[in-house]
C-alpha atoms as a PDB file:
ATOM      1  CA  MET A   1     117.436 130.834  85.341  1.00  0.00           C
ATOM      2  CA  SER A   2     115.100 131.909  82.590  1.00  0.00           C
ATOM      3  CA  LEU A   3     114.676 129.823  79.447  1.00  0.00           C
ATOM      4  CA  ARG A   4     115.868 132.737  77.321  1.00  0.00           C
ATOM      5  CA  LEU A   5     119.069 133.198  79.383  1.00  0.00           C
ATOM      6  CA  SER A   6     119.734 129.457  79.355  1.00  0.00           C
ATOM      7  CA  SER A   7     119.358 129.355  75.583  1.00  0.00           C
ATOM      8  CA  PHE A   8     121.733 132.351  75.192  1.00  0.00           C
ATOM      9  CA  LEU A   9     124.417 130.741  77.370  1.00  0.00           C
ATOM     10  CA  SER A  10     124.143 127.475  75.469  1.00  0.00           C
ATOM     11  CA  ARG A  11     124.653 129.239  72.141  1.00  0.00           C
ATOM     12  CA  ALA A  12     127.598 131.184  73.579  1.00  0.00           C
ATOM     13  CA  LEU A  13     129.184 127.960  74.790  1.00  0.00           C
ATOM     14  CA  VAL A  14     128.825 126.366  71.367  1.00  0.00           C
ATOM     15  CA  VAL A  15     130.343 129.426  69.649  1.00  0.00           C
ATOM     16  CA  ALA A  16     133.281 129.437  72.083  1.00  0.00           C
ATOM     17  CA  LEU A  17     133.837 125.711  71.577  1.00  0.00           C
ATOM     18  CA  VAL A  18     133.784 126.037  67.792  1.00  0.00           C
ATOM     19  CA  ALA A  19     136.201 128.971  67.937  1.00  0.00           C
ATOM     20  CA  THR A  20     138.549 127.009  70.174  1.00  0.00           C
ATOM     21  CA  LEU A  21     138.482 123.957  67.947  1.00  0.00           C
ATOM     22  CA  GLY A  22     138.960 126.151  64.879  1.00  0.00           C
ATOM     23  CA  GLY A  23     141.953 127.809  66.482  1.00  0.00           C
ATOM     24  CA  LEU A  24     143.458 124.432  67.276  1.00  0.00           C
ATOM     25  CA  ALA A  25     142.918 123.282  63.701  1.00  0.00           C
ATOM     26  CA  GLN A  26     144.700 126.352  62.357  1.00  0.00           C
ATOM     27  CA  ALA A  27     147.550 126.304  64.889  1.00  0.00           C
ATOM     28  CA  PRO A  28     150.948 125.436  63.454  1.00  0.00           C
ATOM     29  CA  ALA A  29     152.021 121.824  63.762  1.00  0.00           C
ATOM     30  CA  ARG A  30     154.420 120.982  66.564  1.00  0.00           C
ATOM     31  CA  ALA A  31     158.065 120.812  65.501  1.00  0.00           C
ATOM     32  CA  GLU A  32     158.135 117.060  66.096  1.00  0.00           C
ATOM     33  CA  ASP A  33     155.245 116.683  63.638  1.00  0.00           C
ATOM     34  CA  TYR A  34     156.878 118.868  60.984  1.00  0.00           C
ATOM     35  CA  PRO A  35     156.728 118.375  58.085  1.00  0.00           C
ATOM     36  CA  SER A  36     153.411 116.600  57.617  1.00  0.00           C
ATOM     37  CA  HIS A  37     153.111 117.288  53.867  1.00  0.00           C
ATOM     38  CA  PRO A  38     155.354 118.289  50.919  1.00  0.00           C
ATOM     39  CA  ILE A  39     157.338 121.545  51.060  1.00  0.00           C
ATOM     40  CA  LYS A  40     157.238 124.110  48.245  1.00  0.00           C
ATOM     41  CA  PHE A  41     160.765 125.027  47.135  1.00  0.00           C
ATOM     42  CA  ILE A  42     160.839 128.277  45.145  1.00  0.00           C
ATOM     43  CA  VAL A  43     163.684 128.692  42.665  1.00  0.00           C
ATOM     44  CA  PRO A  44     163.741 132.307  41.406  1.00  0.00           C
ATOM     45  CA  PHE A  45     165.507 131.277  38.198  1.00  0.00           C
ATOM     46  CA  SER A  46     164.695 129.329  35.056  1.00  0.00           C
ATOM     47  CA  PRO A  47     165.025 125.527  34.904  1.00  0.00           C
ATOM     48  CA  GLY A  48     168.484 124.306  33.930  1.00  0.00           C
ATOM     49  CA  GLY A  49     170.525 127.129  35.440  1.00  0.00           C
ATOM     50  CA  SER A  50     173.050 126.699  38.228  1.00  0.00           C
ATOM     51  CA  SER A  51     170.634 127.737  40.996  1.00  0.00           C
ATOM     52  CA  ASP A  52     167.989 125.364  39.670  1.00  0.00           C
ATOM     53  CA  THR A  53     170.557 122.555  39.513  1.00  0.00           C
ATOM     54  CA  VAL A  54     171.634 123.244  43.111  1.00  0.00           C
ATOM     55  CA  ALA A  55     168.006 123.195  44.255  1.00  0.00           C
ATOM     56  CA  ARG A  56     167.303 119.856  42.561  1.00  0.00           C
ATOM     57  CA  LEU A  57     170.532 118.384  43.913  1.00  0.00           C
ATOM     58  CA  ILE A  58     169.485 119.278  47.464  1.00  0.00           C
ATOM     59  CA  ALA A  59     165.842 118.336  46.955  1.00  0.00           C
ATOM     60  CA  LYS A  60     166.597 114.767  45.939  1.00  0.00           C
ATOM     61  CA  ASP A  61     167.456 113.831  49.553  1.00  0.00           C
ATOM     62  CA  ALA A  62     164.710 115.826  51.278  1.00  0.00           C
ATOM     63  CA  GLN A  63     162.465 112.784  51.681  1.00  0.00           C
ATOM     64  CA  LYS A  64     165.320 110.863  53.289  1.00  0.00           C
ATOM     65  CA  TYR A  65     165.959 113.404  56.035  1.00  0.00           C
ATOM     66  CA  LEU A  66     162.588 115.141  56.418  1.00  0.00           C
ATOM     67  CA  GLY A  67     160.124 112.426  55.496  1.00  0.00           C
ATOM     68  CA  GLN A  68     158.494 114.700  52.909  1.00  0.00           C
ATOM     69  CA  PRO A  69     159.576 115.758  49.401  1.00  0.00           C
ATOM     70  CA  PHE A  70     160.388 119.241  48.120  1.00  0.00           C
ATOM     71  CA  ILE A  71     158.182 120.414  45.262  1.00  0.00           C
ATOM     72  CA  ILE A  72     160.304 122.719  43.118  1.00  0.00           C
ATOM     73  CA  GLU A  73     158.555 125.709  41.576  1.00  0.00           C
ATOM     74  CA  ASN A  74     160.577 127.915  39.218  1.00  0.00           C
ATOM     75  CA  ARG A  75     159.673 131.603  39.428  1.00  0.00           C
ATOM     76  CA  PRO A  76     162.193 133.343  37.143  1.00  0.00           C
ATOM     77  CA  GLY A  77     162.256 136.977  36.159  1.00  0.00           C
ATOM     78  CA  ALA A  78     163.411 140.458  37.210  1.00  0.00           C
ATOM     79  CA  ALA A  79     166.868 139.226  38.214  1.00  0.00           C
ATOM     80  CA  ALA A  80     165.350 136.709  40.679  1.00  0.00           C
ATOM     81  CA  MET A  81     163.154 139.308  42.367  1.00  0.00           C
ATOM     82  CA  ILE A  82     159.850 137.746  41.233  1.00  0.00           C
ATOM     83  CA  GLY A  83     160.648 134.533  43.078  1.00  0.00           C
ATOM     84  CA  LEU A  84     162.182 136.288  46.078  1.00  0.00           C
ATOM     85  CA  ASN A  85     159.143 138.559  46.416  1.00  0.00           C
ATOM     86  CA  GLU A  86     156.864 135.524  46.393  1.00  0.00           C
ATOM     87  CA  LEU A  87     159.007 133.968  49.108  1.00  0.00           C
ATOM     88  CA  VAL A  88     158.764 137.119  51.257  1.00  0.00           C
ATOM     89  CA  LYS A  89     154.956 137.087  51.009  1.00  0.00           C
ATOM     90  CA  ALA A  90     154.533 133.352  51.698  1.00  0.00           C
ATOM     91  CA  LYS A  91     153.091 132.034  54.942  1.00  0.00           C
ATOM     92  CA  PRO A  92     155.979 131.477  57.420  1.00  0.00           C
ATOM     93  CA  ASP A  93     154.917 127.986  58.416  1.00  0.00           C
ATOM     94  CA  GLY A  94     157.898 126.056  57.042  1.00  0.00           C
ATOM     95  CA  TYR A  95     156.039 124.819  53.981  1.00  0.00           C
ATOM     96  CA  THR A  96     157.497 127.420  51.601  1.00  0.00           C
ATOM     97  CA  ILE A  97     161.250 127.907  51.325  1.00  0.00           C
ATOM     98  CA  GLY A  98     163.456 129.039  48.459  1.00  0.00           C
ATOM     99  CA  ILE A  99     166.868 129.377  46.902  1.00  0.00           C
ATOM    100  CA  THR A 100     168.728 132.589  47.716  1.00  0.00           C
ATOM    101  CA  ASN A 101     172.066 133.800  46.420  1.00  0.00           C
ATOM    102  CA  SER A 102     174.429 136.736  46.831  1.00  0.00           C
ATOM    103  CA  GLY A 103     172.379 138.960  44.498  1.00  0.00           C
ATOM    104  CA  MET A 104     169.676 139.296  47.159  1.00  0.00           C
ATOM    105  CA  VAL A 105     172.160 141.233  49.306  1.00  0.00           C
ATOM    106  CA  THR A 106     173.071 143.858  46.691  1.00  0.00           C
ATOM    107  CA  GLN A 107     169.717 144.414  44.934  1.00  0.00           C
ATOM    108  CA  PRO A 108     168.215 146.328  47.881  1.00  0.00           C
ATOM    109  CA  ILE A 109     171.351 148.496  48.084  1.00  0.00           C
ATOM    110  CA  TYR A 110     170.851 149.580  44.471  1.00  0.00           C
ATOM    111  CA  GLY A 111     167.205 150.421  45.101  1.00  0.00           C
ATOM    112  CA  VAL A 112     165.887 147.999  42.484  1.00  0.00           C
ATOM    113  CA  ALA A 113     164.137 145.622  44.909  1.00  0.00           C
ATOM    114  CA  LYS A 114     160.689 145.981  46.478  1.00  0.00           C
ATOM    115  CA  TYR A 115     161.964 144.439  49.708  1.00  0.00           C
ATOM    116  CA  ASN A 116     165.204 144.317  51.635  1.00  0.00           C
ATOM    117  CA  TYR A 117     165.602 140.549  51.473  1.00  0.00           C
ATOM    118  CA  VAL A 118     168.271 140.582  54.171  1.00  0.00           C
ATOM    119  CA  THR A 119     165.719 141.738  56.741  1.00  0.00           C
ATOM    120  CA  ASP A 120     162.481 140.513  55.127  1.00  0.00           C
ATOM    121  CA  LEU A 121     163.565 136.870  54.803  1.00  0.00           C
ATOM    122  CA  GLN A 122     165.011 134.354  57.259  1.00  0.00           C
ATOM    123  CA  ALA A 123     168.278 132.556  56.583  1.00  0.00           C
ATOM    124  CA  VAL A 124     168.068 128.765  56.825  1.00  0.00           C
ATOM    125  CA  ALA A 125     171.341 127.372  55.434  1.00  0.00           C
ATOM    126  CA  GLN A 126     174.159 128.116  53.018  1.00  0.00           C
ATOM    127  CA  VAL A 127     175.149 125.171  50.836  1.00  0.00           C
ATOM    128  CA  GLY A 128     178.016 126.469  48.716  1.00  0.00           C
ATOM    129  CA  GLU A 129     180.097 129.432  47.622  1.00  0.00           C
ATOM    130  CA  VAL A 130     182.800 130.400  45.159  1.00  0.00           C
ATOM    131  CA  PRO A 131     184.952 133.558  44.991  1.00  0.00           C
ATOM    132  CA  PHE A 132     185.548 135.366  41.717  1.00  0.00           C
ATOM    133  CA  LEU A 133     188.907 135.710  40.001  1.00  0.00           C
ATOM    134  CA  LEU A 134     190.627 138.459  38.052  1.00  0.00           C
ATOM    135  CA  CYS A 135     192.190 136.783  35.016  1.00  0.00           C
ATOM    136  CA  VAL A 136     194.253 137.629  31.959  1.00  0.00           C
ATOM    137  CA  LYS A 137     195.065 135.808  28.726  1.00  0.00           C
ATOM    138  CA  GLY A 138     197.524 132.934  29.126  1.00  0.00           C
ATOM    139  CA  ASP A 139     200.254 134.568  27.022  1.00  0.00           C
ATOM    140  CA  SER A 140     199.831 137.999  28.624  1.00  0.00           C
ATOM    141  CA  ASP A 141     202.865 139.870  29.883  1.00  0.00           C
ATOM    142  CA  PHE A 142     201.046 140.229  33.201  1.00  0.00           C
ATOM    143  CA  LYS A 143     202.368 137.405  35.372  1.00  0.00           C
ATOM    144  CA  THR A 144     201.139 138.896  38.673  1.00  0.00           C
ATOM    145  CA  ILE A 145     198.543 141.403  39.796  1.00  0.00           C
ATOM    146  CA  GLU A 146     201.403 143.804  40.519  1.00  0.00           C
ATOM    147  CA  ASP A 147     202.412 143.631  36.831  1.00  0.00           C
ATOM    148  CA  LEU A 148     198.899 144.606  35.761  1.00  0.00           C
ATOM    149  CA  ILE A 149     198.679 147.453  38.276  1.00  0.00           C
ATOM    150  CA  ALA A 150     202.092 148.869  37.303  1.00  0.00           C
ATOM    151  CA  PHE A 151     201.230 148.756  33.586  1.00  0.00           C
ATOM    152  CA  ALA A 152     197.846 150.398  34.108  1.00  0.00           C
ATOM    153  CA  LYS A 153     199.391 153.215  36.134  1.00  0.00           C
ATOM    154  CA  ALA A 154     202.028 153.806  33.467  1.00  0.00           C
ATOM    155  CA  ASN A 155     199.497 153.557  30.627  1.00  0.00           C
ATOM    156  CA  PRO A 156     196.187 155.189  31.599  1.00  0.00           C
ATOM    157  CA  ASN A 157     193.170 154.031  29.553  1.00  0.00           C
ATOM    158  CA  ALA A 158     195.119 151.019  28.236  1.00  0.00           C
ATOM    159  CA  VAL A 159     193.500 148.329  30.415  1.00  0.00           C
ATOM    160  CA  ASN A 160     189.903 147.179  29.942  1.00  0.00           C
ATOM    161  CA  TYR A 161     188.369 144.302  31.848  1.00  0.00           C
ATOM    162  CA  GLY A 162     185.221 142.309  31.252  1.00  0.00           C
ATOM    163  CA  ILE A 163     182.229 141.890  33.552  1.00  0.00           C
ATOM    164  CA  THR A 164     178.850 140.177  33.179  1.00  0.00           C
ATOM    165  CA  GLY A 165     176.670 142.855  34.733  1.00  0.00           C
ATOM    166  CA  ILE A 166     176.988 146.347  36.180  1.00  0.00           C
ATOM    167  CA  GLY A 167     177.043 146.017  39.962  1.00  0.00           C
ATOM    168  CA  ASN A 168     177.187 142.233  40.182  1.00  0.00           C
ATOM    169  CA  THR A 169     179.909 140.058  41.726  1.00  0.00           C
ATOM    170  CA  SER A 170     182.038 140.082  38.564  1.00  0.00           C
ATOM    171  CA  HIS A 171     182.121 143.885  38.782  1.00  0.00           C
ATOM    172  CA  ILE A 172     182.453 144.555  42.519  1.00  0.00           C
ATOM    173  CA  GLY A 173     185.724 142.630  43.038  1.00  0.00           C
ATOM    174  CA  PRO A 174     187.833 144.256  40.313  1.00  0.00           C
ATOM    175  CA  GLU A 175     186.414 147.717  41.042  1.00  0.00           C
ATOM    176  CA  HIS A 176     187.199 147.386  44.742  1.00  0.00           C
ATOM    177  CA  LEU A 177     190.748 146.261  43.876  1.00  0.00           C
ATOM    178  CA  LYS A 178     191.103 149.199  41.493  1.00  0.00           C
ATOM    179  CA  TYR A 179     189.861 151.584  44.203  1.00  0.00           C
ATOM    180  CA  LEU A 180     192.269 150.269  46.856  1.00  0.00           C
ATOM    181  CA  ALA A 181     195.307 150.019  44.582  1.00  0.00           C
ATOM    182  CA  LYS A 182     194.502 153.345  42.901  1.00  0.00           C
ATOM    183  CA  PHE A 183     195.022 152.373  39.283  1.00  0.00           C
ATOM    184  CA  PRO A 184     192.919 153.003  36.148  1.00  0.00           C
ATOM    185  CA  MET A 185     190.961 150.128  34.571  1.00  0.00           C
ATOM    186  CA  GLU A 186     187.745 150.387  32.565  1.00  0.00           C
ATOM    187  CA  ALA A 187     184.875 147.882  32.836  1.00  0.00           C
ATOM    188  CA  VAL A 188     183.324 146.449  29.670  1.00  0.00           C
ATOM    189  CA  ASN A 189     179.942 144.790  30.148  1.00  0.00           C
ATOM    190  CA  PHE A 190     179.143 141.491  28.385  1.00  0.00           C
ATOM    191  CA  SER A 191     175.885 139.540  28.259  1.00  0.00           C
ATOM    192  CA  GLY A 192     177.426 136.430  29.784  1.00  0.00           C
ATOM    193  CA  GLY A 193     180.557 134.552  30.775  1.00  0.00           C
ATOM    194  CA  GLY A 194     180.976 132.897  27.389  1.00  0.00           C
ATOM    195  CA  GLU A 195     181.056 136.203  25.540  1.00  0.00           C
ATOM    196  CA  LEU A 196     183.497 137.654  28.073  1.00  0.00           C
ATOM    197  CA  ILE A 197     185.878 134.696  27.780  1.00  0.00           C
ATOM    198  CA  THR A 198     185.806 134.903  23.977  1.00  0.00           C
ATOM    199  CA  ALA A 199     186.715 138.592  24.149  1.00  0.00           C
ATOM    200  CA  LEU A 200     189.555 137.877  26.584  1.00  0.00           C
ATOM    201  CA  LEU A 201     190.995 135.078  24.451  1.00  0.00           C
ATOM    202  CA  GLY A 202     190.692 137.301  21.389  1.00  0.00           C
ATOM    203  CA  GLY A 203     192.678 140.091  23.029  1.00  0.00           C
ATOM    204  CA  HIS A 204     189.766 142.559  22.916  1.00  0.00           C
ATOM    205  CA  ILE A 205     190.024 143.097  26.681  1.00  0.00           C
ATOM    206  CA  GLN A 206     193.072 142.757  28.903  1.00  0.00           C
ATOM    207  CA  ALA A 207     191.437 141.134  31.942  1.00  0.00           C
ATOM    208  CA  GLY A 208     188.157 139.760  33.248  1.00  0.00           C
ATOM    209  CA  GLY A 209     186.240 139.167  36.461  1.00  0.00           C
ATOM    210  CA  ILE A 210     185.368 135.494  36.077  1.00  0.00           C
ATOM    211  CA  ASN A 211     183.816 132.585  37.970  1.00  0.00           C
ATOM    212  CA  PRO A 212     186.407 129.757  38.286  1.00  0.00           C
ATOM    213  CA  VAL A 213     184.014 127.107  36.962  1.00  0.00           C
ATOM    214  CA  ASP A 214     183.712 128.961  33.646  1.00  0.00           C
ATOM    215  CA  ILE A 215     187.425 128.754  32.827  1.00  0.00           C
ATOM    216  CA  ARG A 216     188.616 125.400  34.118  1.00  0.00           C
ATOM    217  CA  GLU A 217     189.498 124.022  30.696  1.00  0.00           C
ATOM    218  CA  GLN A 218     191.159 127.239  29.527  1.00  0.00           C
ATOM    219  CA  VAL A 219     193.260 127.444  32.711  1.00  0.00           C
ATOM    220  CA  LYS A 220     194.225 123.786  32.358  1.00  0.00           C
ATOM    221  CA  ALA A 221     195.296 124.426  28.759  1.00  0.00           C
ATOM    222  CA  GLY A 222     197.245 127.559  29.697  1.00  0.00           C
ATOM    223  CA  LYS A 223     194.977 129.842  27.673  1.00  0.00           C
ATOM    224  CA  ILE A 224     193.837 131.887  30.698  1.00  0.00           C
ATOM    225  CA  ARG A 225     195.930 132.905  33.708  1.00  0.00           C
ATOM    226  CA  PRO A 226     194.236 133.852  37.006  1.00  0.00           C
ATOM    227  CA  LEU A 227     196.123 136.647  38.752  1.00  0.00           C
ATOM    228  CA  VAL A 228     194.227 136.961  42.012  1.00  0.00           C
ATOM    229  CA  ILE A 229     191.215 135.521  43.815  1.00  0.00           C
ATOM    230  CA  PHE A 230     188.627 137.592  45.684  1.00  0.00           C
ATOM    231  CA  GLY A 231     188.154 135.147  48.543  1.00  0.00           C
ATOM    232  CA  ASP A 232     189.177 135.026  52.181  1.00  0.00           C
ATOM    233  CA  LYS A 233     191.285 131.962  51.415  1.00  0.00           C
ATOM    234  CA  ARG A 234     192.730 130.172  48.403  1.00  0.00           C
ATOM    235  CA  LEU A 235     190.654 127.663  46.480  1.00  0.00           C
ATOM    236  CA  SER A 236     191.147 124.016  47.406  1.00  0.00           C
ATOM    237  CA  ASP A 237     190.903 122.993  43.743  1.00  0.00           C
ATOM    238  CA  PRO A 238     194.484 122.038  42.719  1.00  0.00           C
ATOM    239  CA  LEU A 239     194.003 123.875  39.434  1.00  0.00           C
ATOM    240  CA  PHE A 240     193.602 127.189  41.290  1.00  0.00           C
ATOM    241  CA  SER A 241     195.373 126.529  44.588  1.00  0.00           C
ATOM    242  CA  ASN A 242     198.447 128.546  43.546  1.00  0.00           C
ATOM    243  CA  VAL A 243     196.375 131.675  42.861  1.00  0.00           C
ATOM    244  CA  PRO A 244     196.900 134.188  45.711  1.00  0.00           C
ATOM    245  CA  THR A 245     194.045 135.989  47.402  1.00  0.00           C
ATOM    246  CA  ALA A 246     193.809 139.746  46.971  1.00  0.00           C
ATOM    247  CA  SER A 247     194.402 140.076  50.710  1.00  0.00           C
ATOM    248  CA  GLU A 248     197.716 138.224  50.368  1.00  0.00           C
ATOM    249  CA  ARG A 249     198.771 140.970  47.955  1.00  0.00           C
ATOM    250  CA  GLY A 250     197.769 143.698  50.381  1.00  0.00           C
ATOM    251  CA  PHE A 251     194.267 144.431  49.087  1.00  0.00           C
ATOM    252  CA  PRO A 252     191.426 143.185  51.337  1.00  0.00           C
ATOM    253  CA  VAL A 253     188.851 142.407  48.635  1.00  0.00           C
ATOM    254  CA  THR A 254     186.328 139.633  49.265  1.00  0.00           C
ATOM    255  CA  VAL A 255     183.552 138.900  46.760  1.00  0.00           C
ATOM    256  CA  THR A 256     181.912 135.499  46.663  1.00  0.00           C
ATOM    257  CA  LEU A 257     178.982 134.038  44.790  1.00  0.00           C
ATOM    258  CA  TRP A 258     177.029 131.856  47.231  1.00  0.00           C
ATOM    259  CA  GLN A 259     173.899 129.728  47.148  1.00  0.00           C
ATOM    260  CA  GLY A 260     171.649 128.975  50.088  1.00  0.00           C
ATOM    261  CA  ILE A 261     168.120 128.564  51.378  1.00  0.00           C
ATOM    262  CA  GLY A 262     165.875 131.245  52.817  1.00  0.00           C
ATOM    263  CA  ALA A 263     162.338 131.334  54.200  1.00  0.00           C
ATOM    264  CA  PRO A 264     159.610 133.872  54.951  1.00  0.00           C
ATOM    265  CA  LYS A 265     160.202 135.991  58.047  1.00  0.00           C
ATOM    266  CA  GLY A 266     158.546 134.656  61.168  1.00  0.00           C
ATOM    267  CA  MET A 267     159.028 130.937  60.652  1.00  0.00           C
ATOM    268  CA  PRO A 268     159.102 129.158  64.047  1.00  0.00           C
ATOM    269  CA  GLU A 269     162.653 128.598  65.289  1.00  0.00           C
ATOM    270  CA  ALA A 270     162.009 124.913  65.924  1.00  0.00           C
ATOM    271  CA  VAL A 271     160.931 124.459  62.309  1.00  0.00           C
ATOM    272  CA  ARG A 272     163.942 126.377  60.998  1.00  0.00           C
ATOM    273  CA  ALA A 273     166.210 124.204  63.167  1.00  0.00           C
ATOM    274  CA  ARG A 274     164.570 121.069  61.756  1.00  0.00           C
ATOM    275  CA  LEU A 275     165.161 122.262  58.192  1.00  0.00           C
ATOM    276  CA  SER A 276     168.755 123.365  58.780  1.00  0.00           C
ATOM    277  CA  MET A 277     169.563 120.039  60.426  1.00  0.00           C
ATOM    278  CA  ALA A 278     168.290 118.244  57.335  1.00  0.00           C
ATOM    279  CA  PHE A 279     170.367 120.475  55.040  1.00  0.00           C
ATOM    280  CA  GLU A 280     173.446 119.855  57.179  1.00  0.00           C
ATOM    281  CA  LYS A 281     172.979 116.100  56.753  1.00  0.00           C
ATOM    282  CA  ILE A 282     172.427 116.485  53.017  1.00  0.00           C
ATOM    283  CA  MET A 283     175.613 118.553  52.802  1.00  0.00           C
ATOM    284  CA  ALA A 284     177.618 115.930  54.697  1.00  0.00           C
ATOM    285  CA  ASP A 285     177.047 113.457  51.852  1.00  0.00           C
ATOM    286  CA  LYS A 286     180.184 113.062  49.714  1.00  0.00           C
ATOM    287  CA  GLU A 287     178.167 112.556  46.542  1.00  0.00           C
ATOM    288  CA  THR A 288     176.383 115.866  47.125  1.00  0.00           C
ATOM    289  CA  GLN A 289     179.670 117.629  47.859  1.00  0.00           C
ATOM    290  CA  ASP A 290     181.262 116.276  44.684  1.00  0.00           C
ATOM    291  CA  ALA A 291     178.236 117.325  42.632  1.00  0.00           C
ATOM    292  CA  LEU A 292     178.420 120.859  44.031  1.00  0.00           C
ATOM    293  CA  ARG A 293     182.132 121.016  43.216  1.00  0.00           C
ATOM    294  CA  GLY A 294     181.231 119.938  39.690  1.00  0.00           C
ATOM    295  CA  LEU A 295     178.999 123.011  39.502  1.00  0.00           C
ATOM    296  CA  GLY A 296     181.903 125.190  40.591  1.00  0.00           C
ATOM    297  CA  LEU A 297     180.792 125.673  44.195  1.00  0.00           C
ATOM    298  CA  ASP A 298     182.811 124.856  47.273  1.00  0.00           C
ATOM    299  CA  PRO A 299     180.393 122.879  49.500  1.00  0.00           C
ATOM    300  CA  VAL A 300     180.522 125.261  52.460  1.00  0.00           C
ATOM    301  CA  TYR A 301     177.608 124.746  54.865  1.00  0.00           C
ATOM    302  CA  LEU A 302     176.473 127.517  57.215  1.00  0.00           C
ATOM    303  CA  GLY A 303     173.658 127.124  59.732  1.00  0.00           C
ATOM    304  CA  PRO A 304     170.952 129.733  60.444  1.00  0.00           C
ATOM    305  CA  ALA A 305     172.953 131.916  62.855  1.00  0.00           C
ATOM    306  CA  ASP A 306     176.108 132.098  60.717  1.00  0.00           C
ATOM    307  CA  PHE A 307     174.149 132.528  57.489  1.00  0.00           C
ATOM    308  CA  THR A 308     172.049 135.327  59.023  1.00  0.00           C
ATOM    309  CA  ARG A 309     175.236 137.060  60.142  1.00  0.00           C
ATOM    310  CA  LYS A 310     176.710 136.679  56.661  1.00  0.00           C
ATOM    311  CA  TRP A 311     173.689 138.344  55.035  1.00  0.00           C
ATOM    312  CA  SER A 312     173.886 141.317  57.364  1.00  0.00           C
ATOM    313  CA  GLU A 313     177.663 141.745  57.294  1.00  0.00           C
ATOM    314  CA  GLU A 314     177.815 141.460  53.500  1.00  0.00           C
ATOM    315  CA  GLN A 315     175.115 144.073  52.995  1.00  0.00           C
ATOM    316  CA  THR A 316     176.933 146.486  55.301  1.00  0.00           C
ATOM    317  CA  ARG A 317     180.275 145.849  53.614  1.00  0.00           C
ATOM    318  CA  TYR A 318     178.942 145.980  50.052  1.00  0.00           C
ATOM    319  CA  THR A 319     177.057 149.198  50.749  1.00  0.00           C
ATOM    320  CA  LYS A 320     180.352 150.898  51.594  1.00  0.00           C
ATOM    321  CA  VAL A 321     182.226 149.271  48.689  1.00  0.00           C
ATOM    322  CA  VAL A 322     179.709 150.171  45.960  1.00  0.00           C
ATOM    323  CA  THR A 323     179.415 153.691  47.352  1.00  0.00           C
ATOM    324  CA  ASP A 324     183.173 154.257  47.561  1.00  0.00           C
ATOM    325  CA  THR A 325     183.849 152.829  44.095  1.00  0.00           C
ATOM    326  CA  GLY A 326     181.016 154.675  42.358  1.00  0.00           C
ATOM    327  CA  ILE A 327     179.204 151.467  41.374  1.00  0.00           C
ATOM    328  CA  LEU A 328     176.082 152.564  43.267  1.00  0.00           C
ATOM    329  CA  GLN A 329     175.819 155.755  41.275  1.00  0.00           C
ATOM    330  CA  MET A 330     176.505 153.845  38.059  1.00  0.00           C
ATOM    331  CA  VAL A 331     173.678 151.385  38.693  1.00  0.00           C
ATOM    332  CA  ARG A 332     171.218 154.062  39.742  1.00  0.00           C
ATOM    333  CA  SER A 333     171.966 156.172  36.682  1.00  0.00           C
ATOM    334  CA  GLN A 334     171.129 153.176  34.493  1.00  0.00           C
ATOM    335  CA  THR A 335     167.842 152.430  36.258  1.00  0.00           C
ATOM    336  CA  LYS A 336     166.417 155.974  36.159  1.00  0.00           C
END
């Protein structure tokens, strides 16, 4: 063998060895070694909000069950889309996860999102959910949802109801009910739940699509009366347990606000299983469950398969609902 050929083969061997070692160094850690360093936890909302509080509540036990802490990074803006977009683009190695909620399902339907988060993210675990209510003032003549429907049919343009955003969960439930029951009711948009509740108590609107946690004290005092709940079952909270579901009244309307954890698409299944197992253990803790209830969420855990199915089924169902009710056209006309 010539000296030149020998030298060439030696250099080739070194290059191949370096490439192999480099590939090994960059290969993802085995599931049993995961995680080996802290995990970034993106919260696409400002500090202090309900999603941020849920994230911090979950994160406090991460070290206990994963051996590494969560580092929370708030990325608010654009109705959560700034943070969600960052999550989509993150490396799918299990070291970047983030809070997701029901808004990520509807935003792509309305055409306001850069990505379809349902297909461009991976579901890891749901940690809680709460259905919305349709409520009236405590001294209202409307004792049941049937009373409200009958009055609205007999008095067109007489019933206005409050929402906290065109096309969001406070809007979809009442509009779907209105569509199925075929009665007139006009939505009035407010900047937040507090403003809506003030308008309801002041008699400026006749009803409101409201999160149960926002009206606990008013319901307890008899100042607000829930007529119907947009859930697949009644609330376990004794304060609301006598409120019938819309389905019980013959109108299959289901609209829930949920919170969960998502990850970039392509995360190894073994890593996702490791994370979901940790979240399941965190959710089994009574203190965590009680804290979530205090935030107005039922502590309902769903693993990756069920949570993935929920994302897909909700997007399919909501696409039909917002199209049938005209909400889709309403949102798109506002964003032109």
